[in-house]
Amino acid sequence: MIPAVPSTPAQHGRHERVLQAATAMLAIGGEDMLQMKDLAQRAEVSLATLYRYFPAKDHVLLALAYHRYENALRRVAGEAPNGA
């Protein structure tokens, strides 16, 4: 199954809430803490919506890694180079 890509502001908001909730759950208890049903409840989305964007827990973890990478890249690209 290919995950859906958010296209509207509301969809982006739901997607972002899932990523934020997943980050919080991972911080509390690691990967074992991250259960899809609990994630949907914590992100305040339906379980069907969660599975539409993230067909499995691995998709959530990959999306988090990618999201962090994009944020780090933005920060690095905005910094002035040091040295000569």
PDB file of N, CA and C in Angstrom:
ATOM      1  N   MET A   1       0.837  -1.187   0.000  1.00  0.00           N
ATOM      2  CA  MET A   1       0.000   0.000   0.000  1.00  0.00           C
ATOM      3  C   MET A   1       0.878   1.246   0.000  1.00  0.00           C
ATOM      4  N   ILE A   2       0.543   2.178  -0.844  1.00  0.00           N
ATOM      5  CA  ILE A   2       1.271   3.439  -0.933  1.00  0.00           C
ATOM      6  C   ILE A   2       0.597   4.454  -0.019  1.00  0.00           C
ATOM      7  N   PRO A   3       1.368   5.073   0.886  1.00  0.00           N
ATOM      8  CA  PRO A   3       0.770   6.061   1.787  1.00  0.00           C
ATOM      9  C   PRO A   3       0.236   7.274   1.031  1.00  0.00           C
ATOM     10  N   ALA A   4      -0.855   7.828   1.549  1.00  0.00           N
ATOM     11  CA  ALA A   4      -1.413   9.057   0.989  1.00  0.00           C
ATOM     12  C   ALA A   4      -0.493  10.222   1.328  1.00  0.00           C
ATOM     13  N   VAL A   5      -0.504  11.215   0.472  1.00  0.00           N
ATOM     14  CA  VAL A   5       0.284  12.429   0.693  1.00  0.00           C
ATOM     15  C   VAL A   5      -0.688  13.558   1.012  1.00  0.00           C
ATOM     16  N   PRO A   6      -0.499  14.236   2.153  1.00  0.00           N
ATOM     17  CA  PRO A   6      -1.418  15.322   2.484  1.00  0.00           C
ATOM     18  C   PRO A   6      -1.329  16.441   1.458  1.00  0.00           C
ATOM     19  N   SER A   7      -2.504  16.991   1.098  1.00  0.00           N
ATOM     20  CA  SER A   7      -2.504  18.057   0.091  1.00  0.00           C
ATOM     21  C   SER A   7      -3.225  19.318   0.567  1.00  0.00           C
ATOM     22  N   THR A   8      -4.166  19.187   1.484  1.00  0.00           N
ATOM     23  CA  THR A   8      -4.891  20.358   1.973  1.00  0.00           C
ATOM     24  C   THR A   8      -4.311  20.790   3.320  1.00  0.00           C
ATOM     25  N   PRO A   9      -4.580  22.027   3.734  1.00  0.00           N
ATOM     26  CA  PRO A   9      -4.104  22.456   5.050  1.00  0.00           C
ATOM     27  C   PRO A   9      -4.596  21.547   6.189  1.00  0.00           C
ATOM     28  N   ALA A  10      -5.836  21.089   6.123  1.00  0.00           N
ATOM     29  CA  ALA A  10      -6.358  20.207   7.164  1.00  0.00           C
ATOM     30  C   ALA A  10      -5.612  18.881   7.174  1.00  0.00           C
ATOM     31  N   GLN A  11      -5.308  18.350   6.002  1.00  0.00           N
ATOM     32  CA  GLN A  11      -4.562  17.093   5.923  1.00  0.00           C
ATOM     33  C   GLN A  11      -3.144  17.263   6.444  1.00  0.00           C
ATOM     34  N   HIS A  12      -2.514  18.376   6.102  1.00  0.00           N
ATOM     35  CA  HIS A  12      -1.169  18.655   6.623  1.00  0.00           C
ATOM     36  C   HIS A  12      -1.199  18.759   8.146  1.00  0.00           C
ATOM     37  N   GLY A  13      -2.248  19.367   8.675  1.00  0.00           N
ATOM     38  CA  GLY A  13      -2.386  19.489  10.126  1.00  0.00           C
ATOM     39  C   GLY A  13      -2.506  18.130  10.799  1.00  0.00           C
ATOM     40  N   ARG A  14      -3.329  17.251  10.238  1.00  0.00           N
ATOM     41  CA  ARG A  14      -3.473  15.902  10.796  1.00  0.00           C
ATOM     42  C   ARG A  14      -2.155  15.143  10.712  1.00  0.00           C
ATOM     43  N   HIS A  15      -1.486  15.253   9.584  1.00  0.00           N
ATOM     44  CA  HIS A  15      -0.198  14.577   9.382  1.00  0.00           C
ATOM     45  C   HIS A  15       0.811  15.063  10.423  1.00  0.00           C
ATOM     46  N   GLU A  16       0.875  16.369  10.614  1.00  0.00           N
ATOM     47  CA  GLU A  16       1.813  16.954  11.582  1.00  0.00           C
ATOM     48  C   GLU A  16       1.464  16.526  13.012  1.00  0.00           C
ATOM     49  N   ARG A  17       0.171  16.465  13.333  1.00  0.00           N
ATOM     50  CA  ARG A  17      -0.235  16.015  14.676  1.00  0.00           C
ATOM     51  C   ARG A  17       0.208  14.579  14.934  1.00  0.00           C
ATOM     52  N   VAL A  18       0.116  13.753  13.923  1.00  0.00           N
ATOM     53  CA  VAL A  18       0.558  12.367  14.073  1.00  0.00           C
ATOM     54  C   VAL A  18       2.062  12.329  14.351  1.00  0.00           C
ATOM     55  N   LEU A  19       2.830  13.099  13.607  1.00  0.00           N
ATOM     56  CA  LEU A  19       4.275  13.114  13.812  1.00  0.00           C
ATOM     57  C   LEU A  19       4.639  13.649  15.191  1.00  0.00           C
ATOM     58  N   GLN A  20       3.938  14.682  15.639  1.00  0.00           N
ATOM     59  CA  GLN A  20       4.200  15.231  16.971  1.00  0.00           C
ATOM     60  C   GLN A  20       3.844  14.233  18.062  1.00  0.00           C
ATOM     61  N   ALA A  21       2.707  13.575  17.917  1.00  0.00           N
ATOM     62  CA  ALA A  21       2.283  12.577  18.908  1.00  0.00           C
ATOM     63  C   ALA A  21       3.253  11.402  18.917  1.00  0.00           C
ATOM     64  N   ALA A  22       3.704  10.970  17.747  1.00  0.00           N
ATOM     65  CA  ALA A  22       4.652   9.859  17.668  1.00  0.00           C
ATOM     66  C   ALA A  22       5.973  10.232  18.341  1.00  0.00           C
ATOM     67  N   THR A  23       6.419  11.446  18.130  1.00  0.00           N
ATOM     68  CA  THR A  23       7.656  11.909  18.767  1.00  0.00           C
ATOM     69  C   THR A  23       7.524  11.867  20.280  1.00  0.00           C
ATOM     70  N   ALA A  24       6.406  12.342  20.786  1.00  0.00           N
ATOM     71  CA  ALA A  24       6.177  12.335  22.236  1.00  0.00           C
ATOM     72  C   ALA A  24       6.124  10.902  22.778  1.00  0.00           C
ATOM     73  N   MET A  25       5.448  10.024  22.066  1.00  0.00           N
ATOM     74  CA  MET A  25       5.340   8.636  22.517  1.00  0.00           C
ATOM     75  C   MET A  25       6.704   7.946  22.508  1.00  0.00           C
ATOM     76  N   LEU A  26       7.499   8.202  21.498  1.00  0.00           N
ATOM     77  CA  LEU A  26       8.832   7.615  21.435  1.00  0.00           C
ATOM     78  C   LEU A  26       9.720   8.141  22.560  1.00  0.00           C
ATOM     79  N   ALA A  27       9.573   9.409  22.895  1.00  0.00           N
ATOM     80  CA  ALA A  27      10.367   9.994  23.973  1.00  0.00           C
ATOM     81  C   ALA A  27      10.017   9.367  25.319  1.00  0.00           C
ATOM     82  N   ILE A  28       8.766   8.992  25.487  1.00  0.00           N
ATOM     83  CA  ILE A  28       8.311   8.406  26.753  1.00  0.00           C
ATOM     84  C   ILE A  28       8.759   6.957  26.900  1.00  0.00           C
ATOM     85  N   GLY A  29       8.559   6.166  25.846  1.00  0.00           N
ATOM     86  CA  GLY A  29       8.799   4.737  26.010  1.00  0.00           C
ATOM     87  C   GLY A  29       9.484   4.031  24.869  1.00  0.00           C
ATOM     88  N   GLY A  30      10.046   4.764  23.950  1.00  0.00           N
ATOM     89  CA  GLY A  30      10.732   4.123  22.837  1.00  0.00           C
ATOM     90  C   GLY A  30       9.770   3.517  21.839  1.00  0.00           C
ATOM     91  N   GLU A  31      10.323   2.742  20.941  1.00  0.00           N
ATOM     92  CA  GLU A  31       9.540   2.168  19.846  1.00  0.00           C
ATOM     93  C   GLU A  31       8.438   1.237  20.345  1.00  0.00           C
ATOM     94  N   ASP A  32       8.667   0.558  21.452  1.00  0.00           N
ATOM     95  CA  ASP A  32       7.639  -0.341  21.998  1.00  0.00           C
ATOM     96  C   ASP A  32       6.395   0.415  22.447  1.00  0.00           C
ATOM     97  N   MET A  33       6.568   1.667  22.828  1.00  0.00           N
ATOM     98  CA  MET A  33       5.446   2.505  23.274  1.00  0.00           C
ATOM     99  C   MET A  33       4.558   2.924  22.099  1.00  0.00           C
ATOM    100  N   LEU A  34       5.108   2.930  20.916  1.00  0.00           N
ATOM    101  CA  LEU A  34       4.401   3.430  19.737  1.00  0.00           C
ATOM    102  C   LEU A  34       3.466   2.355  19.182  1.00  0.00           C
ATOM    103  N   GLN A  35       2.216   2.428  19.562  1.00  0.00           N
ATOM    104  CA  GLN A  35       1.182   1.519  19.065  1.00  0.00           C
ATOM    105  C   GLN A  35       0.217   2.344  18.222  1.00  0.00           C
ATOM    106  N   MET A  36      -0.182   1.824  17.081  1.00  0.00           N
ATOM    107  CA  MET A  36      -0.977   2.596  16.130  1.00  0.00           C
ATOM    108  C   MET A  36      -2.298   3.091  16.735  1.00  0.00           C
ATOM    109  N   LYS A  37      -2.996   2.256  17.458  1.00  0.00           N
ATOM    110  CA  LYS A  37      -4.277   2.668  18.047  1.00  0.00           C
ATOM    111  C   LYS A  37      -4.070   3.824  19.031  1.00  0.00           C
ATOM    112  N   ASP A  38      -3.049   3.691  19.882  1.00  0.00           N
ATOM    113  CA  ASP A  38      -2.750   4.757  20.848  1.00  0.00           C
ATOM    114  C   ASP A  38      -2.287   6.024  20.138  1.00  0.00           C
ATOM    115  N   LEU A  39      -1.525   5.861  19.079  1.00  0.00           N
ATOM    116  CA  LEU A  39      -1.050   7.020  18.314  1.00  0.00           C
ATOM    117  C   LEU A  39      -2.218   7.783  17.703  1.00  0.00           C
ATOM    118  N   ALA A  40      -3.170   7.057  17.129  1.00  0.00           N
ATOM    119  CA  ALA A  40      -4.346   7.713  16.542  1.00  0.00           C
ATOM    120  C   ALA A  40      -5.104   8.499  17.602  1.00  0.00           C
ATOM    121  N   GLN A  41      -5.285   7.904  18.774  1.00  0.00           N
ATOM    122  CA  GLN A  41      -5.999   8.600  19.857  1.00  0.00           C
ATOM    123  C   GLN A  41      -5.242   9.836  20.302  1.00  0.00           C
ATOM    124  N   ARG A  42      -3.951   9.695  20.491  1.00  0.00           N
ATOM    125  CA  ARG A  42      -3.150  10.825  20.975  1.00  0.00           C
ATOM    126  C   ARG A  42      -3.096  11.958  19.949  1.00  0.00           C
ATOM    127  N   ALA A  43      -3.084  11.613  18.661  1.00  0.00           N
ATOM    128  CA  ALA A  43      -3.030  12.625  17.600  1.00  0.00           C
ATOM    129  C   ALA A  43      -4.413  13.166  17.247  1.00  0.00           C
ATOM    130  N   GLU A  44      -5.448  12.573  17.861  1.00  0.00           N
ATOM    131  CA  GLU A  44      -6.832  12.976  17.620  1.00  0.00           C
ATOM    132  C   GLU A  44      -7.219  12.835  16.148  1.00  0.00           C
ATOM    133  N   VAL A  45      -6.854  11.669  15.587  1.00  0.00           N
ATOM    134  CA  VAL A  45      -7.275  11.308  14.236  1.00  0.00           C
ATOM    135  C   VAL A  45      -7.885   9.912  14.311  1.00  0.00           C
ATOM    136  N   SER A  46      -8.686   9.585  13.322  1.00  0.00           N
ATOM    137  CA  SER A  46      -9.249   8.242  13.297  1.00  0.00           C
ATOM    138  C   SER A  46      -8.153   7.241  12.938  1.00  0.00           C
ATOM    139  N   LEU A  47      -8.376   6.010  13.327  1.00  0.00           N
ATOM    140  CA  LEU A  47      -7.414   4.969  12.991  1.00  0.00           C
ATOM    141  C   LEU A  47      -7.311   4.807  11.470  1.00  0.00           C
ATOM    142  N   ALA A  48      -8.431   4.975  10.767  1.00  0.00           N
ATOM    143  CA  ALA A  48      -8.420   4.890   9.299  1.00  0.00           C
ATOM    144  C   ALA A  48      -7.555   5.993   8.699  1.00  0.00           C
ATOM    145  N   THR A  49      -7.642   7.202   9.239  1.00  0.00           N
ATOM    146  CA  THR A  49      -6.812   8.309   8.759  1.00  0.00           C
ATOM    147  C   THR A  49      -5.343   8.017   8.999  1.00  0.00           C
ATOM    148  N   LEU A  50      -5.040   7.515  10.183  1.00  0.00           N
ATOM    149  CA  LEU A  50      -3.647   7.182  10.501  1.00  0.00           C
ATOM    150  C   LEU A  50      -3.094   6.179   9.500  1.00  0.00           C
ATOM    151  N   TYR A  51      -3.859   5.111   9.236  1.00  0.00           N
ATOM    152  CA  TYR A  51      -3.390   4.088   8.304  1.00  0.00           C
ATOM    153  C   TYR A  51      -3.362   4.579   6.855  1.00  0.00           C
ATOM    154  N   ARG A  52      -4.152   5.586   6.536  1.00  0.00           N
ATOM    155  CA  ARG A  52      -4.100   6.140   5.180  1.00  0.00           C
ATOM    156  C   ARG A  52      -2.740   6.795   4.931  1.00  0.00           C
ATOM    157  N   TYR A  53      -2.234   7.515   5.933  1.00  0.00           N
ATOM    158  CA  TYR A  53      -0.953   8.199   5.791  1.00  0.00           C
ATOM    159  C   TYR A  53       0.234   7.319   6.161  1.00  0.00           C
ATOM    160  N   PHE A  54       0.015   6.396   7.081  1.00  0.00           N
ATOM    161  CA  PHE A  54       1.084   5.542   7.595  1.00  0.00           C
ATOM    162  C   PHE A  54       0.579   4.102   7.674  1.00  0.00           C
ATOM    163  N   PRO A  55       0.743   3.318   6.614  1.00  0.00           N
ATOM    164  CA  PRO A  55       0.203   1.952   6.585  1.00  0.00           C
ATOM    165  C   PRO A  55       0.767   1.021   7.658  1.00  0.00           C
ATOM    166  N   ALA A  56       1.919   1.353   8.239  1.00  0.00           N
ATOM    167  CA  ALA A  56       2.521   0.534   9.284  1.00  0.00           C
ATOM    168  C   ALA A  56       3.397   1.419  10.173  1.00  0.00           C
ATOM    169  N   LYS A  57       3.765   0.888  11.321  1.00  0.00           N
ATOM    170  CA  LYS A  57       4.607   1.636  12.255  1.00  0.00           C
ATOM    171  C   LYS A  57       5.922   2.055  11.601  1.00  0.00           C
ATOM    172  N   ASP A  58       6.464   1.203  10.741  1.00  0.00           N
ATOM    173  CA  ASP A  58       7.710   1.550  10.053  1.00  0.00           C
ATOM    174  C   ASP A  58       7.563   2.817   9.219  1.00  0.00           C
ATOM    175  N   HIS A  59       6.380   3.032   8.652  1.00  0.00           N
ATOM    176  CA  HIS A  59       6.138   4.260   7.878  1.00  0.00           C
ATOM    177  C   HIS A  59       6.170   5.484   8.789  1.00  0.00           C
ATOM    178  N   VAL A  60       5.652   5.347  10.002  1.00  0.00           N
ATOM    179  CA  VAL A  60       5.695   6.453  10.966  1.00  0.00           C
ATOM    180  C   VAL A  60       7.143   6.762  11.307  1.00  0.00           C
ATOM    181  N   LEU A  61       7.916   5.745  11.617  1.00  0.00           N
ATOM    182  CA  LEU A  61       9.315   5.944  12.002  1.00  0.00           C
ATOM    183  C   LEU A  61      10.120   6.559  10.858  1.00  0.00           C
ATOM    184  N   LEU A  62       9.885   6.098   9.643  1.00  0.00           N
ATOM    185  CA  LEU A  62      10.582   6.661   8.487  1.00  0.00           C
ATOM    186  C   LEU A  62      10.179   8.114   8.267  1.00  0.00           C
ATOM    187  N   ALA A  63       8.898   8.424   8.421  1.00  0.00           N
ATOM    188  CA  ALA A  63       8.432   9.806   8.249  1.00  0.00           C
ATOM    189  C   ALA A  63       9.062  10.720   9.298  1.00  0.00           C
ATOM    190  N   LEU A  64       9.200  10.221  10.520  1.00  0.00           N
ATOM    191  CA  LEU A  64       9.853  11.019  11.567  1.00  0.00           C
ATOM    192  C   LEU A  64      11.314  11.284  11.225  1.00  0.00           C
ATOM    193  N   ALA A  65      12.006  10.261  10.781  1.00  0.00           N
ATOM    194  CA  ALA A  65      13.415  10.425  10.409  1.00  0.00           C
ATOM    195  C   ALA A  65      13.550  11.430   9.263  1.00  0.00           C
ATOM    196  N   TYR A  66      12.687  11.313   8.269  1.00  0.00           N
ATOM    197  CA  TYR A  66      12.723  12.222   7.126  1.00  0.00           C
ATOM    198  C   TYR A  66      12.402  13.659   7.554  1.00  0.00           C
ATOM    199  N   HIS A  67      11.411  13.809   8.416  1.00  0.00           N
ATOM    200  CA  HIS A  67      11.015  15.130   8.918  1.00  0.00           C
ATOM    201  C   HIS A  67      12.185  15.773   9.670  1.00  0.00           C
ATOM    202  N   ARG A  68      12.863  15.006  10.504  1.00  0.00           N
ATOM    203  CA  ARG A  68      14.021  15.531  11.243  1.00  0.00           C
ATOM    204  C   ARG A  68      15.150  15.901  10.291  1.00  0.00           C
ATOM    205  N   TYR A  69      15.371  15.078   9.285  1.00  0.00           N
ATOM    206  CA  TYR A  69      16.399  15.361   8.288  1.00  0.00           C
ATOM    207  C   TYR A  69      16.107  16.678   7.570  1.00  0.00           C
ATOM    208  N   GLU A  70      14.848  16.851   7.141  1.00  0.00           N
ATOM    209  CA  GLU A  70      14.482  18.096   6.455  1.00  0.00           C
ATOM    210  C   GLU A  70      14.708  19.310   7.345  1.00  0.00           C
ATOM    211  N   ASN A  71      14.330  19.221   8.611  1.00  0.00           N
ATOM    212  CA  ASN A  71      14.524  20.334   9.545  1.00  0.00           C
ATOM    213  C   ASN A  71      16.004  20.638   9.733  1.00  0.00           C
ATOM    214  N   ALA A  72      16.826  19.609   9.884  1.00  0.00           N
ATOM    215  CA  ALA A  72      18.266  19.809  10.051  1.00  0.00           C
ATOM    216  C   ALA A  72      18.871  20.427   8.797  1.00  0.00           C
ATOM    217  N   LEU A  73      18.444  19.965   7.638  1.00  0.00           N
ATOM    218  CA  LEU A  73      18.948  20.508   6.378  1.00  0.00           C
ATOM    219  C   LEU A  73      18.606  21.986   6.242  1.00  0.00           C
ATOM    220  N   ARG A  74      17.387  22.376   6.628  1.00  0.00           N
ATOM    221  CA  ARG A  74      16.995  23.788   6.575  1.00  0.00           C
ATOM    222  C   ARG A  74      17.880  24.638   7.482  1.00  0.00           C
ATOM    223  N   ARG A  75      18.162  24.112   8.692  1.00  0.00           N
ATOM    224  CA  ARG A  75      18.999  24.865   9.626  1.00  0.00           C
ATOM    225  C   ARG A  75      20.411  25.017   9.078  1.00  0.00           C
ATOM    226  N   VAL A  76      20.981  23.953   8.566  1.00  0.00           N
ATOM    227  CA  VAL A  76      22.342  23.981   8.050  1.00  0.00           C
ATOM    228  C   VAL A  76      22.430  24.875   6.818  1.00  0.00           C
ATOM    229  N   ALA A  77      21.457  24.800   5.957  1.00  0.00           N
ATOM    230  CA  ALA A  77      21.473  25.608   4.724  1.00  0.00           C
ATOM    231  C   ALA A  77      21.370  27.097   5.051  1.00  0.00           C
ATOM    232  N   GLY A  78      20.773  27.437   6.179  1.00  0.00           N
ATOM    233  CA  GLY A  78      20.611  28.835   6.555  1.00  0.00           C
ATOM    234  C   GLY A  78      21.798  29.413   7.309  1.00  0.00           C
ATOM    235  N   GLU A  79      22.780  28.584   7.678  1.00  0.00           N
ATOM    236  CA  GLU A  79      23.930  29.050   8.424  1.00  0.00           C
ATOM    237  C   GLU A  79      25.021  29.547   7.490  1.00  0.00           C
ATOM    238  N   ALA A  80      25.733  30.555   7.949  1.00  0.00           N
ATOM    239  CA  ALA A  80      26.883  31.050   7.188  1.00  0.00           C
ATOM    240  C   ALA A  80      28.054  30.105   7.410  1.00  0.00           C
ATOM    241  N   PRO A  81      28.843  29.846   6.380  1.00  0.00           N
ATOM    242  CA  PRO A  81      30.001  28.951   6.544  1.00  0.00           C
ATOM    243  C   PRO A  81      31.041  29.554   7.470  1.00  0.00           C
ATOM    244  N   ASN A  82      31.704  28.698   8.217  1.00  0.00           N
ATOM    245  CA  ASN A  82      32.787  29.130   9.104  1.00  0.00           C
ATOM    246  C   ASN A  82      34.121  28.944   8.388  1.00  0.00           C
ATOM    247  N   GLY A  83      35.091  29.758   8.739  1.00  0.00           N
ATOM    248  CA  GLY A  83      36.437  29.590   8.194  1.00  0.00           C
ATOM    249  C   GLY A  83      36.629  30.260   6.859  1.00  0.00           C
ATOM    250  N   ALA A  84      37.776  29.937   6.248  1.00  0.00           N
ATOM    251  CA  ALA A  84      38.158  30.577   5.000  1.00  0.00           C
ATOM    252  C   ALA A  84      37.484  29.966   3.796  1.00  0.00           C
TER     253      ALA A  84
END
